[in-house]
Every structure is written in C-alpha cells, then in structure tokens.
C-alpha cells in the first residue's frame, strides 16, 4: 500500500477547470440565447423605481408600466441566475483550492496527523492565493444576494401595478353594471 499520491495538475490549473461561466455564456450566445437587457420607460433605461403618481397615470401609460415592470423582473431574474452561477463556480473553486493547499502542506511535512484542524485553517486563511479566490466567492455571493432583494422588490412593484390595473377594471365594470341596472329600472 504506502504509495504516494501525486497531483496531475497544479492548484491553479484545477481551479481553472471549474471556470465554466464564459463557456456557458458562449454556448448560449451560439444558440441565440442572451440575457435580457434592462427595459426602457419613457425613453430612458428603467431603474426599478415606480413613478410616485401611479394612480394618476393614464390607462395607456399604466399598461406600458406593467410591461416595463415585467421586463425589469425578467432582467433581474436573469442577472440573479447569472451571478448565482458565478457564486457556485467560485464556491467550487474555493473547495478545490483548499484541498490542494492542504495536500501541499501535508506533502511538505508542514502538517502531521496530530495538528489541530484550526491550525491548518489558520494557515490556509493566510495564503494569498486562497484569499483571492475566497474574495471572488464573497463578491458573487454578496452580488447575487443584493440582486435577489432587487428581484423581490421588482416582484412587489409588478404586483402593485397589476393590482392598480385590476382595481381600475373592477371600478369600470361596477360603474357599467350600475348604469345598466339604472337604465333597466328606468325603462320599467
């Protein structure tokens, strides 16, 4: 038994194997699939903020706003999924790099079987290569969390516009019923 384990590639090469986001994006582009662009509202890029006078908007403007909020939701959902993919890739790279650094420390004789786990963890946390890769994971985790919050706000905005349209429609239907009833009663 007693054979020595060797690694076929360096830690950097192993981490690079898990860089799949660019490959996925180019495959999607070849298939004609692209992430949606942010929608435009009144000629400008929509920034996700509903106008304060939503109750005063004309029906056509309100309908257009509903379309814009749906486009905004789709844009944010695409961004959320993209950055969650980047986050997952970075998390895998952190795991791989951690395993490689542990192996290198053991092979160099810097660790014996009795070393406490926290000693190894402290050494790994001080490694600049590990810090760089962890920073990338933290960046994508934070970015996707913020985008998730933005998506939830966009969902709420869409519900607000949709509810406003529904209430206007119900009000019109109620008024038409009252007019028909009044007309019907006056004809009796």
N, C-alpha and C. Protein backbone atom coordinates (compact mmCIF):
# COMPACT_ATOMS: atom_id res chain seq x y z
N UNK A 1 0.84 -1.16 0.00
CA UNK A 1 0.00 0.00 0.00
C UNK A 1 0.88 1.22 0.00
N UNK A 2 1.19 1.91 0.85
CA UNK A 2 2.09 3.01 1.08
C UNK A 2 2.48 3.84 -0.11
N UNK A 3 1.73 3.84 -1.23
CA UNK A 3 2.09 4.66 -2.38
C UNK A 3 1.82 6.13 -2.10
N UNK A 4 2.57 6.97 -2.78
CA UNK A 4 2.40 8.41 -2.60
C UNK A 4 1.42 8.95 -3.63
N UNK A 5 0.51 9.77 -3.17
CA UNK A 5 -0.47 10.37 -4.08
C UNK A 5 0.17 11.58 -4.74
N UNK A 6 0.06 11.65 -6.05
CA UNK A 6 0.56 12.81 -6.76
C UNK A 6 -0.60 13.48 -7.48
N UNK A 7 -0.44 14.76 -7.73
CA UNK A 7 -1.50 15.50 -8.41
C UNK A 7 -1.10 15.70 -9.87
N UNK A 8 -2.09 15.51 -10.74
CA UNK A 8 -1.82 15.64 -12.18
C UNK A 8 -1.64 17.08 -12.61
N UNK A 9 -2.23 17.98 -11.87
CA UNK A 9 -2.16 19.39 -12.26
C UNK A 9 -1.95 20.25 -11.03
N UNK A 10 -1.54 21.48 -11.27
CA UNK A 10 -1.32 22.41 -10.16
C UNK A 10 -2.68 22.89 -9.64
N UNK A 11 -2.66 23.50 -8.47
CA UNK A 11 -3.90 24.01 -7.88
C UNK A 11 -4.56 25.05 -8.79
N UNK A 12 -3.75 25.90 -9.39
CA UNK A 12 -4.29 26.94 -10.28
C UNK A 12 -4.98 26.32 -11.48
N UNK A 13 -4.37 25.26 -12.06
CA UNK A 13 -4.99 24.57 -13.20
C UNK A 13 -6.28 23.89 -12.78
N UNK A 14 -6.30 23.30 -11.59
CA UNK A 14 -7.51 22.64 -11.09
C UNK A 14 -8.64 23.64 -10.88
N UNK A 15 -8.30 24.82 -10.38
CA UNK A 15 -9.30 25.86 -10.19
C UNK A 15 -9.83 26.32 -11.55
N UNK A 16 -8.93 26.46 -12.52
CA UNK A 16 -9.33 26.92 -13.85
C UNK A 16 -10.30 25.95 -14.53
N UNK A 17 -10.21 24.67 -14.19
CA UNK A 17 -11.13 23.67 -14.77
C UNK A 17 -12.57 24.02 -14.43
N UNK A 18 -12.79 24.64 -13.27
CA UNK A 18 -14.15 24.98 -12.84
C UNK A 18 -14.59 26.37 -13.28
N UNK A 19 -13.86 27.01 -14.17
CA UNK A 19 -14.28 28.29 -14.74
C UNK A 19 -15.19 28.01 -15.93
N UNK A 20 -16.48 27.91 -15.66
CA UNK A 20 -17.41 27.48 -16.70
C UNK A 20 -18.33 28.60 -17.18
N UNK A 21 -18.36 29.73 -16.49
CA UNK A 21 -19.33 30.78 -16.82
C UNK A 21 -19.12 31.28 -18.25
N UNK A 22 -17.88 31.55 -18.65
CA UNK A 22 -17.62 32.02 -20.01
C UNK A 22 -18.02 30.99 -21.05
N UNK A 23 -17.76 29.71 -20.76
CA UNK A 23 -18.15 28.64 -21.68
C UNK A 23 -19.67 28.58 -21.84
N UNK A 24 -20.37 28.68 -20.72
CA UNK A 24 -21.83 28.63 -20.76
C UNK A 24 -22.37 29.83 -21.54
N UNK A 25 -21.84 31.01 -21.28
CA UNK A 25 -22.32 32.20 -21.98
C UNK A 25 -22.06 32.13 -23.48
N UNK A 26 -20.91 31.60 -23.88
CA UNK A 26 -20.64 31.49 -25.32
C UNK A 26 -21.54 30.43 -25.96
N UNK A 27 -21.82 29.35 -25.25
CA UNK A 27 -22.73 28.33 -25.77
C UNK A 27 -24.13 28.91 -25.93
N UNK A 28 -24.57 29.69 -24.96
CA UNK A 28 -25.89 30.33 -25.07
C UNK A 28 -25.92 31.31 -26.24
N UNK A 29 -24.85 32.08 -26.40
CA UNK A 29 -24.79 33.05 -27.50
C UNK A 29 -24.85 32.35 -28.85
N UNK A 30 -24.16 31.19 -28.97
CA UNK A 30 -24.21 30.43 -30.22
C UNK A 30 -25.61 29.92 -30.50
N UNK A 31 -26.36 29.65 -29.43
CA UNK A 31 -27.73 29.17 -29.58
C UNK A 31 -28.72 30.31 -29.79
N UNK A 32 -28.23 31.54 -29.73
CA UNK A 32 -29.09 32.70 -29.92
C UNK A 32 -29.81 33.13 -28.65
N UNK A 33 -29.37 32.64 -27.51
CA UNK A 33 -29.99 33.00 -26.23
C UNK A 33 -29.11 34.02 -25.53
N UNK A 34 -29.70 35.13 -25.14
CA UNK A 34 -28.95 36.16 -24.42
C UNK A 34 -29.75 36.56 -23.18
N UNK A 35 -29.05 37.08 -22.21
CA UNK A 35 -29.74 37.62 -21.04
C UNK A 35 -30.50 38.86 -21.46
N UNK A 36 -31.69 39.07 -20.89
CA UNK A 36 -32.47 40.25 -21.30
C UNK A 36 -31.80 41.55 -20.86
N UNK A 37 -31.97 42.57 -21.69
CA UNK A 37 -31.48 43.90 -21.36
C UNK A 37 -32.48 44.59 -20.44
N UNK A 38 -32.03 45.60 -19.70
CA UNK A 38 -33.00 46.33 -18.87
C UNK A 38 -33.99 47.06 -19.77
N UNK A 39 -35.25 47.12 -19.36
CA UNK A 39 -36.26 47.77 -20.20
C UNK A 39 -36.14 49.30 -20.16
N UNK A 40 -36.83 49.93 -21.08
CA UNK A 40 -36.85 51.40 -21.14
C UNK A 40 -38.24 51.88 -20.75
N UNK A 41 -38.25 53.00 -20.07
CA UNK A 41 -39.51 53.65 -19.68
C UNK A 41 -39.40 55.11 -20.04
N UNK A 42 -40.28 55.55 -20.89
CA UNK A 42 -40.31 56.92 -21.37
C UNK A 42 -38.97 57.34 -21.97
N UNK A 43 -38.35 56.44 -22.72
CA UNK A 43 -37.12 56.73 -23.44
C UNK A 43 -35.83 56.51 -22.68
N UNK A 44 -35.90 56.34 -21.37
CA UNK A 44 -34.71 56.11 -20.55
C UNK A 44 -34.71 54.69 -20.03
N UNK A 45 -33.51 54.21 -19.66
CA UNK A 45 -33.45 52.89 -19.04
C UNK A 45 -34.21 52.93 -17.72
N UNK A 46 -35.06 51.95 -17.53
CA UNK A 46 -35.85 51.86 -16.30
C UNK A 46 -34.92 51.48 -15.15
N UNK A 47 -35.05 52.19 -14.04
CA UNK A 47 -34.15 51.96 -12.91
C UNK A 47 -34.81 51.19 -11.78
N UNK A 48 -36.02 50.70 -12.01
CA UNK A 48 -36.68 49.90 -10.99
C UNK A 48 -37.52 50.70 -10.02
N UNK A 49 -37.66 52.00 -10.25
CA UNK A 49 -38.44 52.85 -9.35
C UNK A 49 -39.78 53.19 -9.99
N UNK A 50 -40.86 52.86 -9.29
CA UNK A 50 -42.19 53.22 -9.79
C UNK A 50 -42.37 54.73 -9.68
N UNK A 51 -43.09 55.32 -10.63
CA UNK A 51 -43.35 56.76 -10.52
C UNK A 51 -44.26 57.02 -9.31
N UNK A 52 -44.08 58.16 -8.65
CA UNK A 52 -44.88 58.44 -7.45
C UNK A 52 -46.37 58.68 -7.76
N UNK A 53 -46.67 59.04 -8.99
CA UNK A 53 -48.04 59.37 -9.37
C UNK A 53 -48.73 58.21 -10.11
N UNK A 54 -48.53 57.02 -9.65
CA UNK A 54 -49.04 55.84 -10.36
C UNK A 54 -50.56 55.87 -10.47
N UNK A 55 -51.25 56.41 -9.47
CA UNK A 55 -52.72 56.46 -9.52
C UNK A 55 -53.21 57.48 -10.54
N UNK A 56 -52.36 58.43 -10.90
CA UNK A 56 -52.77 59.48 -11.85
C UNK A 56 -52.40 59.15 -13.29
N UNK A 57 -51.71 58.05 -13.53
CA UNK A 57 -51.30 57.72 -14.89
C UNK A 57 -52.50 57.35 -15.75
N UNK A 58 -52.40 57.70 -17.02
CA UNK A 58 -53.44 57.30 -17.98
C UNK A 58 -53.39 55.79 -18.16
N UNK A 59 -54.46 55.22 -18.64
CA UNK A 59 -54.54 53.77 -18.80
C UNK A 59 -53.43 53.24 -19.71
N UNK A 60 -53.15 53.95 -20.80
CA UNK A 60 -52.08 53.51 -21.71
C UNK A 60 -50.72 53.52 -21.02
N UNK A 61 -50.47 54.57 -20.23
CA UNK A 61 -49.19 54.66 -19.51
C UNK A 61 -49.09 53.57 -18.44
N UNK A 62 -50.21 53.29 -17.80
CA UNK A 62 -50.21 52.25 -16.78
C UNK A 62 -49.97 50.87 -17.41
N UNK A 63 -50.56 50.64 -18.57
CA UNK A 63 -50.32 49.38 -19.28
C UNK A 63 -48.86 49.26 -19.70
N UNK A 64 -48.30 50.37 -20.18
CA UNK A 64 -46.89 50.38 -20.56
C UNK A 64 -46.01 50.12 -19.33
N UNK A 65 -46.38 50.70 -18.20
CA UNK A 65 -45.63 50.49 -16.97
C UNK A 65 -45.68 49.02 -16.54
N UNK A 66 -46.81 48.37 -16.75
CA UNK A 66 -46.90 46.94 -16.43
C UNK A 66 -45.93 46.14 -17.29
N UNK A 67 -45.86 46.47 -18.57
CA UNK A 67 -44.92 45.80 -19.47
C UNK A 67 -43.48 46.05 -19.03
N UNK A 68 -43.19 47.27 -18.63
CA UNK A 68 -41.84 47.63 -18.19
C UNK A 68 -41.48 46.88 -16.91
N UNK A 69 -42.42 46.78 -15.96
CA UNK A 69 -42.11 46.08 -14.71
C UNK A 69 -41.91 44.58 -14.95
N UNK A 70 -42.62 44.01 -15.90
CA UNK A 70 -42.39 42.60 -16.25
C UNK A 70 -41.00 42.45 -16.87
N UNK A 71 -40.64 43.37 -17.77
CA UNK A 71 -39.29 43.35 -18.36
C UNK A 71 -38.21 43.52 -17.31
N UNK A 72 -38.46 44.37 -16.32
CA UNK A 72 -37.50 44.60 -15.25
C UNK A 72 -37.33 43.32 -14.41
N UNK A 73 -38.45 42.67 -14.11
CA UNK A 73 -38.38 41.41 -13.36
C UNK A 73 -37.57 40.38 -14.14
N UNK A 74 -37.83 40.26 -15.43
CA UNK A 74 -37.10 39.28 -16.25
C UNK A 74 -35.61 39.62 -16.31
N UNK A 75 -35.30 40.90 -16.43
CA UNK A 75 -33.90 41.33 -16.44
C UNK A 75 -33.21 40.94 -15.13
N UNK A 76 -33.85 41.27 -14.00
CA UNK A 76 -33.26 40.97 -12.70
C UNK A 76 -33.14 39.47 -12.46
N UNK A 77 -34.14 38.71 -12.89
CA UNK A 77 -34.08 37.26 -12.72
C UNK A 77 -32.91 36.68 -13.50
N UNK A 78 -32.69 37.17 -14.71
CA UNK A 78 -31.53 36.72 -15.49
C UNK A 78 -30.22 37.06 -14.80
N UNK A 79 -30.15 38.26 -14.23
CA UNK A 79 -28.94 38.67 -13.52
C UNK A 79 -28.73 37.84 -12.25
N UNK A 80 -29.81 37.58 -11.53
CA UNK A 80 -29.72 36.77 -10.31
C UNK A 80 -29.17 35.39 -10.64
N UNK A 81 -29.75 34.77 -11.66
CA UNK A 81 -29.31 33.41 -12.02
C UNK A 81 -27.87 33.41 -12.51
N UNK A 82 -27.49 34.42 -13.28
CA UNK A 82 -26.12 34.50 -13.77
C UNK A 82 -25.13 34.59 -12.61
N UNK A 83 -25.39 35.51 -11.68
CA UNK A 83 -24.45 35.70 -10.59
C UNK A 83 -24.50 34.57 -9.57
N UNK A 84 -25.62 33.89 -9.45
CA UNK A 84 -25.65 32.69 -8.61
C UNK A 84 -24.79 31.59 -9.23
N UNK A 85 -24.80 31.51 -10.55
CA UNK A 85 -23.90 30.57 -11.24
C UNK A 85 -22.45 30.92 -10.99
N UNK A 86 -22.13 32.21 -11.06
CA UNK A 86 -20.75 32.65 -10.76
C UNK A 86 -20.39 32.33 -9.32
N UNK A 87 -21.34 32.54 -8.41
CA UNK A 87 -21.10 32.25 -6.99
C UNK A 87 -20.84 30.75 -6.78
N UNK A 88 -21.64 29.91 -7.42
CA UNK A 88 -21.46 28.46 -7.28
C UNK A 88 -20.11 28.02 -7.84
N UNK A 89 -19.73 28.62 -8.96
CA UNK A 89 -18.42 28.31 -9.55
C UNK A 89 -17.30 28.70 -8.60
N UNK A 90 -17.40 29.90 -8.03
CA UNK A 90 -16.37 30.37 -7.09
C UNK A 90 -16.32 29.50 -5.84
N UNK A 91 -17.48 29.06 -5.35
CA UNK A 91 -17.50 28.20 -4.16
C UNK A 91 -16.80 26.87 -4.46
N UNK A 92 -17.02 26.33 -5.64
CA UNK A 92 -16.34 25.09 -6.02
C UNK A 92 -14.83 25.32 -6.12
N UNK A 93 -14.43 26.45 -6.66
CA UNK A 93 -13.02 26.76 -6.77
C UNK A 93 -12.38 26.90 -5.40
N UNK A 94 -13.10 27.48 -4.44
CA UNK A 94 -12.57 27.61 -3.08
C UNK A 94 -12.34 26.22 -2.49
N UNK A 95 -13.30 25.33 -2.66
CA UNK A 95 -13.16 23.96 -2.13
C UNK A 95 -11.95 23.25 -2.74
N UNK A 96 -11.82 23.37 -4.06
CA UNK A 96 -10.71 22.71 -4.75
C UNK A 96 -9.38 23.29 -4.28
N UNK A 97 -9.30 24.60 -4.20
CA UNK A 97 -8.06 25.23 -3.80
C UNK A 97 -7.70 24.86 -2.37
N UNK A 98 -8.70 24.80 -1.52
CA UNK A 98 -8.47 24.41 -0.12
C UNK A 98 -7.90 22.99 -0.06
N UNK A 99 -8.48 22.09 -0.84
CA UNK A 99 -7.98 20.70 -0.85
C UNK A 99 -6.54 20.65 -1.36
N UNK A 100 -6.23 21.40 -2.39
CA UNK A 100 -4.87 21.42 -2.93
C UNK A 100 -3.88 21.99 -1.93
N UNK A 101 -4.25 23.05 -1.24
CA UNK A 101 -3.34 23.64 -0.25
C UNK A 101 -3.11 22.69 0.92
N UNK A 102 -4.14 22.00 1.35
CA UNK A 102 -3.97 21.01 2.42
C UNK A 102 -2.98 19.94 1.98
N UNK A 103 -3.16 19.46 0.76
CA UNK A 103 -2.29 18.40 0.23
C UNK A 103 -0.84 18.92 0.16
N UNK A 104 -0.66 20.13 -0.33
CA UNK A 104 0.69 20.70 -0.41
C UNK A 104 1.33 20.82 0.97
N UNK A 105 0.55 21.23 1.95
CA UNK A 105 1.08 21.37 3.32
C UNK A 105 1.48 20.00 3.87
N UNK A 106 0.65 19.02 3.62
CA UNK A 106 0.98 17.67 4.11
C UNK A 106 2.23 17.13 3.43
N UNK A 107 2.29 17.29 2.10
CA UNK A 107 3.44 16.80 1.34
C UNK A 107 4.73 17.49 1.76
N UNK A 108 4.63 18.75 2.11
CA UNK A 108 5.82 19.49 2.52
C UNK A 108 6.22 19.17 3.96
N UNK A 109 5.40 18.36 4.63
CA UNK A 109 5.71 17.99 6.00
C UNK A 109 5.37 19.07 7.01
N UNK A 110 4.58 20.05 6.58
CA UNK A 110 4.20 21.12 7.49
C UNK A 110 3.06 20.71 8.41
N UNK A 111 2.43 19.61 8.10
CA UNK A 111 1.33 19.11 8.93
C UNK A 111 1.60 17.67 9.29
N UNK A 112 1.35 17.36 10.50
CA UNK A 112 1.39 15.95 10.87
C UNK A 112 -0.04 15.54 11.22
N UNK A 113 -0.27 14.33 11.45
CA UNK A 113 -1.62 13.84 11.70
C UNK A 113 -2.22 14.36 12.99
N UNK A 114 -1.40 14.92 13.86
CA UNK A 114 -1.91 15.38 15.16
C UNK A 114 -2.22 16.88 15.17
N UNK A 115 -1.91 17.59 14.10
CA UNK A 115 -2.16 19.03 14.07
C UNK A 115 -3.66 19.30 14.20
N UNK A 116 -3.98 20.29 14.97
CA UNK A 116 -5.37 20.66 15.14
C UNK A 116 -5.91 21.24 13.83
N UNK A 117 -7.19 21.01 13.60
CA UNK A 117 -7.81 21.49 12.36
C UNK A 117 -7.71 23.01 12.25
N UNK A 118 -7.84 23.71 13.37
CA UNK A 118 -7.82 25.16 13.30
C UNK A 118 -6.45 25.70 12.91
N UNK A 119 -5.38 24.95 13.21
CA UNK A 119 -4.04 25.38 12.80
C UNK A 119 -3.96 25.38 11.28
N UNK A 120 -4.44 24.32 10.67
CA UNK A 120 -4.46 24.24 9.20
C UNK A 120 -5.34 25.32 8.62
N UNK A 121 -6.52 25.50 9.20
CA UNK A 121 -7.43 26.53 8.70
C UNK A 121 -6.80 27.91 8.79
N UNK A 122 -6.11 28.19 9.87
CA UNK A 122 -5.44 29.49 10.00
C UNK A 122 -4.37 29.68 8.93
N UNK A 123 -3.60 28.64 8.68
CA UNK A 123 -2.56 28.73 7.65
C UNK A 123 -3.18 28.94 6.27
N UNK A 124 -4.26 28.23 6.00
CA UNK A 124 -4.92 28.37 4.70
C UNK A 124 -5.49 29.78 4.54
N UNK A 125 -6.09 30.30 5.60
CA UNK A 125 -6.70 31.63 5.52
C UNK A 125 -5.65 32.71 5.26
N UNK A 126 -4.41 32.48 5.65
CA UNK A 126 -3.35 33.47 5.43
C UNK A 126 -2.73 33.36 4.04
N UNK A 127 -3.00 32.31 3.32
CA UNK A 127 -2.45 32.13 1.98
C UNK A 127 -3.10 33.13 1.02
N UNK A 128 -2.29 33.93 0.34
CA UNK A 128 -2.83 34.99 -0.52
C UNK A 128 -3.64 34.44 -1.69
N UNK A 129 -3.23 33.30 -2.23
CA UNK A 129 -4.00 32.70 -3.34
C UNK A 129 -5.39 32.31 -2.86
N UNK A 130 -5.45 31.75 -1.68
CA UNK A 130 -6.73 31.34 -1.11
C UNK A 130 -7.59 32.57 -0.80
N UNK A 131 -6.98 33.63 -0.32
CA UNK A 131 -7.72 34.85 -0.03
C UNK A 131 -8.32 35.44 -1.31
N UNK A 132 -7.54 35.40 -2.40
CA UNK A 132 -8.05 35.93 -3.67
C UNK A 132 -9.28 35.17 -4.15
N UNK A 133 -9.22 33.87 -4.05
CA UNK A 133 -10.32 33.06 -4.54
C UNK A 133 -11.53 33.15 -3.61
N UNK A 134 -11.28 33.29 -2.32
CA UNK A 134 -12.38 33.47 -1.37
C UNK A 134 -13.05 34.83 -1.56
N UNK A 135 -12.26 35.83 -1.88
CA UNK A 135 -12.80 37.16 -2.13
C UNK A 135 -13.77 37.11 -3.32
N UNK A 136 -13.40 36.38 -4.34
CA UNK A 136 -14.28 36.25 -5.51
C UNK A 136 -15.59 35.58 -5.12
N UNK A 137 -15.51 34.53 -4.30
CA UNK A 137 -16.74 33.87 -3.86
C UNK A 137 -17.60 34.84 -3.06
N UNK A 138 -16.99 35.59 -2.15
CA UNK A 138 -17.74 36.56 -1.35
C UNK A 138 -18.37 37.63 -2.23
N UNK A 139 -17.63 38.09 -3.23
CA UNK A 139 -18.15 39.10 -4.16
C UNK A 139 -19.42 38.60 -4.84
N UNK A 140 -19.36 37.41 -5.42
CA UNK A 140 -20.52 36.89 -6.15
C UNK A 140 -21.66 36.54 -5.20
N UNK A 141 -21.35 36.10 -4.00
CA UNK A 141 -22.39 35.81 -3.01
C UNK A 141 -23.13 37.08 -2.64
N UNK A 142 -22.38 38.14 -2.37
CA UNK A 142 -22.98 39.41 -2.00
C UNK A 142 -23.78 39.99 -3.16
N UNK A 143 -23.20 39.95 -4.35
CA UNK A 143 -23.87 40.50 -5.53
C UNK A 143 -25.19 39.78 -5.79
N UNK A 144 -25.17 38.44 -5.73
CA UNK A 144 -26.40 37.70 -6.00
C UNK A 144 -27.43 37.92 -4.91
N UNK A 145 -27.00 38.12 -3.65
CA UNK A 145 -27.94 38.41 -2.56
C UNK A 145 -28.63 39.76 -2.77
N UNK A 146 -27.85 40.74 -3.18
CA UNK A 146 -28.42 42.07 -3.43
C UNK A 146 -29.38 42.01 -4.62
N UNK A 147 -28.99 41.31 -5.66
CA UNK A 147 -29.87 41.17 -6.82
C UNK A 147 -31.15 40.42 -6.45
N UNK A 148 -31.04 39.44 -5.56
CA UNK A 148 -32.23 38.73 -5.08
C UNK A 148 -33.20 39.69 -4.42
N UNK A 149 -32.66 40.59 -3.59
CA UNK A 149 -33.50 41.59 -2.92
C UNK A 149 -34.14 42.53 -3.94
N UNK A 150 -33.38 42.91 -4.96
CA UNK A 150 -33.92 43.77 -6.02
C UNK A 150 -35.03 43.05 -6.78
N UNK A 151 -34.84 41.75 -7.02
CA UNK A 151 -35.87 40.98 -7.72
C UNK A 151 -37.16 40.92 -6.90
N UNK A 152 -37.03 40.74 -5.59
CA UNK A 152 -38.22 40.71 -4.73
C UNK A 152 -38.93 42.06 -4.76
N UNK A 153 -38.18 43.14 -4.78
CA UNK A 153 -38.78 44.47 -4.88
C UNK A 153 -39.47 44.65 -6.23
N UNK A 154 -38.86 44.13 -7.30
CA UNK A 154 -39.47 44.22 -8.63
C UNK A 154 -40.76 43.41 -8.68
N UNK A 155 -40.77 42.27 -8.01
CA UNK A 155 -41.98 41.44 -7.93
C UNK A 155 -43.10 42.22 -7.24
N UNK A 156 -42.74 42.92 -6.18
CA UNK A 156 -43.71 43.74 -5.45
C UNK A 156 -44.22 44.90 -6.31
N UNK A 157 -43.31 45.54 -7.05
CA UNK A 157 -43.71 46.65 -7.93
C UNK A 157 -44.65 46.15 -9.02
N UNK A 158 -44.34 45.00 -9.60
CA UNK A 158 -45.21 44.44 -10.62
C UNK A 158 -46.60 44.16 -10.04
N UNK A 159 -46.65 43.62 -8.83
CA UNK A 159 -47.93 43.34 -8.17
C UNK A 159 -48.71 44.63 -7.94
N UNK A 160 -48.00 45.70 -7.58
CA UNK A 160 -48.66 46.99 -7.35
C UNK A 160 -49.29 47.51 -8.62
N UNK A 161 -48.55 47.48 -9.72
CA UNK A 161 -49.08 47.97 -11.00
C UNK A 161 -50.23 47.08 -11.46
N UNK A 162 -50.06 45.78 -11.33
CA UNK A 162 -51.11 44.84 -11.74
C UNK A 162 -52.39 45.06 -10.92
N UNK A 163 -52.22 45.24 -9.62
CA UNK A 163 -53.37 45.47 -8.74
C UNK A 163 -54.07 46.77 -9.12
N UNK A 164 -53.30 47.80 -9.45
CA UNK A 164 -53.87 49.07 -9.85
C UNK A 164 -54.71 48.92 -11.11
N UNK A 165 -54.20 48.17 -12.08
CA UNK A 165 -54.95 47.92 -13.32
C UNK A 165 -56.22 47.14 -13.02
N UNK A 166 -56.11 46.13 -12.18
CA UNK A 166 -57.28 45.31 -11.82
C UNK A 166 -58.34 46.16 -11.13
N UNK A 167 -57.94 47.01 -10.20
CA UNK A 167 -58.89 47.86 -9.49
C UNK A 167 -59.59 48.83 -10.44
N UNK A 168 -58.84 49.36 -11.39
CA UNK A 168 -59.47 50.25 -12.39
C UNK A 168 -60.49 49.48 -13.22
N UNK A 169 -60.14 48.27 -13.62
CA UNK A 169 -61.07 47.46 -14.40
C UNK A 169 -62.31 47.10 -13.61
N UNK A 170 -62.15 46.77 -12.34
CA UNK A 170 -63.30 46.44 -11.50
C UNK A 170 -64.19 47.65 -11.29
N UNK A 171 -63.56 48.80 -11.14
CA UNK A 171 -64.32 50.02 -10.96
C UNK A 171 -65.15 50.32 -12.20
N UNK A 172 -64.56 50.16 -13.37
CA UNK A 172 -65.30 50.39 -14.62
C UNK A 172 -66.44 49.39 -14.78
N UNK A 173 -66.16 48.13 -14.48
CA UNK A 173 -67.20 47.10 -14.60
C UNK A 173 -68.35 47.38 -13.65
N UNK A 174 -68.02 47.81 -12.43
CA UNK A 174 -69.06 48.14 -11.45
C UNK A 174 -69.89 49.32 -11.90
N UNK A 175 -69.22 50.32 -12.47
CA UNK A 175 -69.94 51.50 -12.96
C UNK A 175 -70.85 51.12 -14.13
N UNK A 176 -70.38 50.25 -15.02
CA UNK A 176 -71.21 49.82 -16.16
C UNK A 176 -72.43 49.03 -15.66
N UNK A 177 -72.22 48.18 -14.66
CA UNK A 177 -73.35 47.43 -14.10
C UNK A 177 -74.38 48.36 -13.49
N UNK A 178 -73.89 49.37 -12.75
CA UNK A 178 -74.82 50.32 -12.14
C UNK A 178 -75.60 51.08 -13.20
N UNK A 179 -74.92 51.47 -14.28
CA UNK A 179 -75.60 52.19 -15.36
C UNK A 179 -76.64 51.30 -16.03
N UNK A 180 -76.28 50.03 -16.29
CA UNK A 180 -77.24 49.10 -16.90
C UNK A 180 -78.43 48.86 -16.00
N UNK A 181 -78.16 48.71 -14.71
CA UNK A 181 -79.24 48.49 -13.77
C UNK A 181 -80.14 49.70 -13.71
N UNK A 182 -79.54 50.90 -13.67
CA UNK A 182 -80.32 52.14 -13.63
C UNK A 182 -81.12 52.30 -14.90
N UNK A 183 -80.54 51.99 -16.04
CA UNK A 183 -81.22 52.09 -17.32
C UNK A 183 -82.38 51.07 -17.38
N UNK A 184 -82.10 49.88 -16.90
CA UNK A 184 -83.12 48.81 -16.92
C UNK A 184 -84.28 49.19 -16.01
N UNK A 185 -84.01 49.75 -14.83
CA UNK A 185 -85.07 50.11 -13.89
C UNK A 185 -85.88 51.30 -14.42
N UNK A 186 -85.21 52.24 -15.08
CA UNK A 186 -85.93 53.40 -15.58
C UNK A 186 -86.82 53.03 -16.75
N UNK A 187 -86.49 51.96 -17.43
CA UNK A 187 -87.32 51.55 -18.57
C UNK A 187 -88.55 50.77 -18.10
N UNK A 188 -88.59 50.36 -16.84
CA UNK A 188 -89.73 49.60 -16.33
C UNK A 188 -90.83 50.53 -16.01
